Amino acid sequence: MPFREVNSKMVEATVLPGQRMFSQRGAMLAYKGELSFTPNIQGGQGGVMSMIGRRLANEATPLMSVEGSGTVLFGHGGHHVHVINLTGDTLYVEADRLLAFDGTLQQGTMFLGSQGGVMGMVRGQVTGQGLFTTTLKGHGAVAVMAHGGVFELPITPQRPVHVDPQAYVAHHGDVRNKLSTALGWRDMVGRGSGEAFQLELSGSGAVYVQASEEKL
């Protein structure tokens, strides 16, 4: 595992020769060894098409690549950090939640409307996250940021999970999502957030939830 959790708000990554990592620009706190930090203009592992997709999707959070030999400490904005290990599946996460991730992971974007149809698009408008989300696929580790820490909830075919959209951080696995109203339309008049909407996730996988309704 390339990440070691130093505390709830910092992780340490080990970079070996021939390997590469990506992180948000400005997330490097300190490092030891012979490392180079380069602004990334190719959209990560997905190449130029990933970069174009991210820009069209407003998912173009600036990245930098890290190469060489040494260790580096990552953290950003005092946010809590949680490490997710992928074993061949796909992680769906908002771009601004990404702190750092393995360069071996394939990066792309997904239109939320393809998971949940029209309601998927409505979810993007309600949560303020946009209509697209970032995907990371393969074998490797991802460090994501959240307010107040992160809790992992398993999703099984027999037990779908309902999440406050503002508390949603990421999910992985064979999961479908849809937005539903928890209250009647009359009750929602004047409400801009809160429990008026619920994000229902069903299938097989896991969802990561933060202990806050604050956006990053």
Protein backbone atom coordinates (compact mmCIF):
# COMPACT_ATOMS: atom_id res chain seq x y z
CA MET A 1 0.00 0.00 0.00
CA PRO A 2 1.63 3.30 -1.06
CA PHE A 3 -0.14 5.40 1.61
CA ARG A 4 0.46 5.36 5.35
CA GLU A 5 -1.99 7.34 7.46
CA VAL A 6 0.14 9.64 9.64
CA ASN A 7 -2.92 11.06 11.37
CA SER A 8 -6.52 11.83 10.45
CA LYS A 9 -5.47 14.70 8.14
CA MET A 10 -2.16 13.56 6.64
CA VAL A 11 -0.89 10.59 4.66
CA GLU A 12 2.65 9.58 3.73
CA ALA A 13 3.33 8.07 0.31
CA THR A 14 6.35 6.04 -0.72
CA VAL A 15 7.48 6.67 -4.30
CA LEU A 16 9.85 4.20 -5.95
CA PRO A 17 11.91 4.61 -9.14
CA GLY A 18 9.81 3.93 -12.23
CA GLN A 19 6.57 4.62 -10.39
CA ARG A 20 4.37 7.69 -10.52
CA MET A 21 1.71 9.22 -8.33
CA PHE A 22 -0.78 12.03 -8.86
CA SER A 23 -2.02 14.55 -6.31
CA GLN A 24 -3.88 17.81 -6.14
CA ARG A 25 -1.58 20.74 -6.74
CA GLY A 26 -0.60 22.31 -3.45
CA ALA A 27 -1.23 19.09 -1.50
CA MET A 28 2.47 18.36 -0.87
CA LEU A 29 3.37 19.25 2.74
CA ALA A 30 6.92 17.88 2.97
CA TYR A 31 9.12 15.25 1.34
CA LYS A 32 12.38 13.33 1.71
CA GLY A 33 14.53 11.92 -1.07
CA GLU A 34 14.99 12.72 -4.75
CA LEU A 35 11.49 13.56 -5.98
CA SER A 36 10.20 15.72 -8.81
CA PHE A 37 6.81 17.45 -8.87
CA THR A 38 5.42 18.34 -12.28
CA PRO A 39 2.09 20.00 -13.20
CA ASN A 40 0.11 17.40 -15.11
CA ILE A 41 -1.46 18.49 -18.40
CA GLN A 42 -2.37 15.08 -19.81
CA GLY A 43 -5.33 14.22 -17.60
CA GLY A 44 -3.57 11.59 -15.51
CA GLN A 45 -3.41 7.96 -16.62
CA GLY A 46 -6.29 8.49 -19.05
CA GLY A 47 -4.19 10.70 -21.32
CA VAL A 48 -5.34 13.61 -23.45
CA MET A 49 -8.91 12.36 -23.90
CA SER A 50 -9.26 12.10 -20.13
CA MET A 51 -8.05 15.69 -19.83
CA ILE A 52 -10.59 16.88 -22.43
CA GLY A 53 -13.39 14.93 -20.73
CA ARG A 54 -12.48 16.35 -17.35
CA ARG A 55 -12.51 19.92 -18.67
CA LEU A 56 -15.87 19.46 -20.42
CA ALA A 57 -17.23 17.91 -17.24
CA ASN A 58 -15.88 20.70 -15.04
CA GLU A 59 -13.88 17.98 -13.28
CA ALA A 60 -10.51 19.51 -14.14
CA THR A 61 -9.07 19.86 -10.64
CA PRO A 62 -5.38 20.72 -11.20
CA LEU A 63 -3.09 17.73 -10.70
CA MET A 64 0.63 17.27 -10.32
CA SER A 65 2.65 14.12 -10.92
CA VAL A 66 5.24 12.88 -8.43
CA GLU A 67 8.19 10.76 -9.57
CA GLY A 68 11.58 9.67 -8.26
CA SER A 69 12.60 7.95 -5.04
CA GLY A 70 11.51 9.03 -1.57
CA THR A 71 8.55 9.73 0.69
CA VAL A 72 6.11 12.64 0.59
CA LEU A 73 3.48 13.92 3.03
CA PHE A 74 0.10 14.92 1.59
CA GLY A 75 -2.68 16.96 3.15
CA HIS A 76 -4.93 19.81 2.08
CA GLY A 77 -7.03 22.44 3.81
CA GLY A 78 -7.06 20.59 7.12
CA HIS A 79 -9.58 18.10 5.69
CA HIS A 80 -9.80 14.56 7.02
CA VAL A 81 -8.14 11.99 4.76
CA HIS A 82 -9.31 8.44 4.09
CA VAL A 83 -7.42 5.81 2.06
CA ILE A 84 -9.39 3.51 -0.27
CA ASN A 85 -7.71 0.44 -1.78
CA LEU A 86 -8.99 -0.75 -5.17
CA THR A 87 -8.58 -4.34 -6.33
CA GLY A 88 -9.61 -4.03 -9.97
CA ASP A 89 -12.92 -2.23 -9.52
CA THR A 90 -13.91 1.36 -10.23
CA LEU A 91 -14.16 4.19 -7.73
CA TYR A 92 -16.62 7.02 -8.41
CA VAL A 93 -15.54 10.21 -6.66
CA GLU A 94 -15.82 13.97 -7.12
CA ALA A 95 -12.57 15.46 -8.46
CA ASP A 96 -12.20 17.98 -5.65
CA ARG A 97 -12.30 15.10 -3.14
CA LEU A 98 -9.10 13.57 -4.53
CA LEU A 99 -5.97 14.21 -2.50
CA ALA A 100 -3.61 11.71 -4.17
CA PHE A 101 -3.75 8.39 -6.02
CA ASP A 102 -1.62 5.72 -7.67
CA GLY A 103 -0.41 6.49 -11.17
CA THR A 104 -1.33 2.92 -12.18
CA LEU A 105 -5.05 3.72 -11.89
CA GLN A 106 -6.95 4.56 -15.07
CA GLN A 107 -8.68 7.90 -14.79
CA GLY A 108 -11.83 9.02 -16.59
CA THR A 109 -15.20 10.73 -16.20
CA MET A 110 -18.77 9.45 -16.11
CA PHE A 111 -22.04 11.20 -16.88
CA LEU A 112 -24.26 10.85 -13.82
CA GLY A 113 -27.34 10.54 -16.01
CA SER A 114 -26.13 7.09 -17.05
CA GLN A 115 -26.59 5.94 -13.43
CA GLY A 116 -30.13 6.77 -12.47
CA GLY A 117 -31.37 8.39 -15.71
CA VAL A 118 -33.03 11.78 -15.29
CA MET A 119 -32.82 11.49 -11.51
CA GLY A 120 -29.08 11.10 -11.84
CA MET A 121 -28.98 14.49 -13.55
CA VAL A 122 -31.23 15.98 -10.88
CA ARG A 123 -28.83 14.67 -8.24
CA GLY A 124 -26.02 16.66 -9.84
CA GLN A 125 -28.04 19.85 -9.66
CA VAL A 126 -29.25 19.31 -6.09
CA THR A 127 -25.89 18.37 -4.59
CA GLY A 128 -23.97 21.01 -6.51
CA GLN A 129 -21.52 18.33 -7.67
CA GLY A 130 -22.25 18.75 -11.36
CA LEU A 131 -23.49 16.19 -13.87
CA PHE A 132 -20.20 14.31 -14.17
CA THR A 133 -17.99 12.48 -11.70
CA THR A 134 -14.40 11.24 -11.83
CA THR A 135 -13.65 7.51 -12.11
CA LEU A 136 -10.49 5.66 -11.05
CA LYS A 137 -10.15 2.03 -12.10
CA GLY A 138 -7.61 -0.72 -11.47
CA HIS A 139 -5.37 -1.93 -8.67
CA GLY A 140 -4.03 0.77 -6.37
CA ALA A 141 -4.79 3.20 -3.58
CA VAL A 142 -6.66 6.50 -3.46
CA ALA A 143 -6.57 9.11 -0.70
CA VAL A 144 -9.81 11.12 -0.55
CA MET A 145 -10.74 14.16 1.55
CA ALA A 146 -13.82 14.77 3.66
CA HIS A 147 -15.21 16.81 6.53
CA GLY A 148 -15.26 15.13 9.93
CA GLY A 149 -13.92 11.74 8.86
CA VAL A 150 -15.27 8.97 6.63
CA PHE A 151 -17.30 5.84 7.31
CA GLU A 152 -17.60 2.93 4.85
CA LEU A 153 -21.05 1.37 4.44
CA PRO A 154 -21.38 -1.95 2.56
CA ILE A 155 -24.04 -2.18 -0.16
CA THR A 156 -25.61 -5.59 -0.84
CA PRO A 157 -28.48 -6.63 -3.15
CA GLN A 158 -30.64 -7.29 -0.09
CA ARG A 159 -29.68 -4.05 1.68
CA PRO A 160 -29.56 -0.84 -0.37
CA VAL A 161 -28.17 2.21 1.43
CA HIS A 162 -29.80 5.64 1.64
CA VAL A 163 -27.40 8.58 2.00
CA ASP A 164 -27.84 12.30 2.45
CA PRO A 165 -26.43 13.63 -0.86
CA GLN A 166 -24.43 16.28 0.99
CA ALA A 167 -22.70 13.58 3.05
CA TYR A 168 -21.80 11.41 0.02
CA VAL A 169 -18.04 11.15 -0.69
CA ALA A 170 -17.55 8.24 -3.12
CA HIS A 171 -18.61 4.69 -3.94
CA HIS A 172 -17.26 1.64 -5.73
CA GLY A 173 -18.56 -1.67 -7.01
CA ASP A 174 -21.50 -2.68 -9.19
CA VAL A 175 -23.78 0.02 -7.79
CA ARG A 176 -26.76 1.90 -9.15
CA ASN A 177 -27.80 5.24 -7.71
CA LYS A 178 -30.99 7.25 -7.84
CA LEU A 179 -32.25 10.35 -6.10
CA SER A 180 -35.54 10.19 -4.24
CA THR A 181 -37.54 12.71 -2.26
CA ALA A 182 -37.92 11.98 1.43
CA LEU A 183 -40.65 14.58 1.87
CA GLY A 184 -43.60 15.81 -0.13
CA TRP A 185 -43.10 18.70 -2.55
CA ARG A 186 -45.00 21.05 -0.24
CA ASP A 187 -42.62 20.22 2.60
CA MET A 188 -39.62 21.01 0.41
CA VAL A 189 -40.64 24.58 -0.34
CA GLY A 190 -37.94 26.82 1.03
CA ARG A 191 -35.51 23.96 1.64
CA GLY A 192 -32.18 24.11 -0.15
CA SER A 193 -30.55 21.04 1.40
CA GLY A 194 -30.94 18.61 4.27
CA GLU A 195 -33.03 15.47 4.33
CA ALA A 196 -35.50 16.56 1.64
CA PHE A 197 -33.56 14.32 -0.78
CA GLN A 198 -32.00 10.92 -0.34
CA LEU A 199 -29.45 9.18 -2.55
CA GLU A 200 -30.33 5.48 -2.80
CA LEU A 201 -27.47 3.13 -3.74
CA SER A 202 -28.26 -0.48 -4.59
CA GLY A 203 -26.30 -3.46 -5.88
CA SER A 204 -22.96 -4.77 -4.57
CA GLY A 205 -20.17 -2.53 -3.32
CA ALA A 206 -19.58 0.17 -0.74
CA VAL A 207 -20.32 3.85 -0.23
CA TYR A 208 -18.16 6.30 1.73
CA VAL A 209 -19.97 8.87 3.85
CA GLN A 210 -18.53 11.90 5.62
CA ALA A 211 -19.57 13.00 9.10
CA SER A 212 -20.80 16.37 7.86
CA GLU A 213 -23.05 18.01 5.27
CA GLU A 214 -20.40 20.59 4.38
CA LYS A 215 -18.91 20.81 0.91
CA LEU A 216 -15.15 20.98 0.46
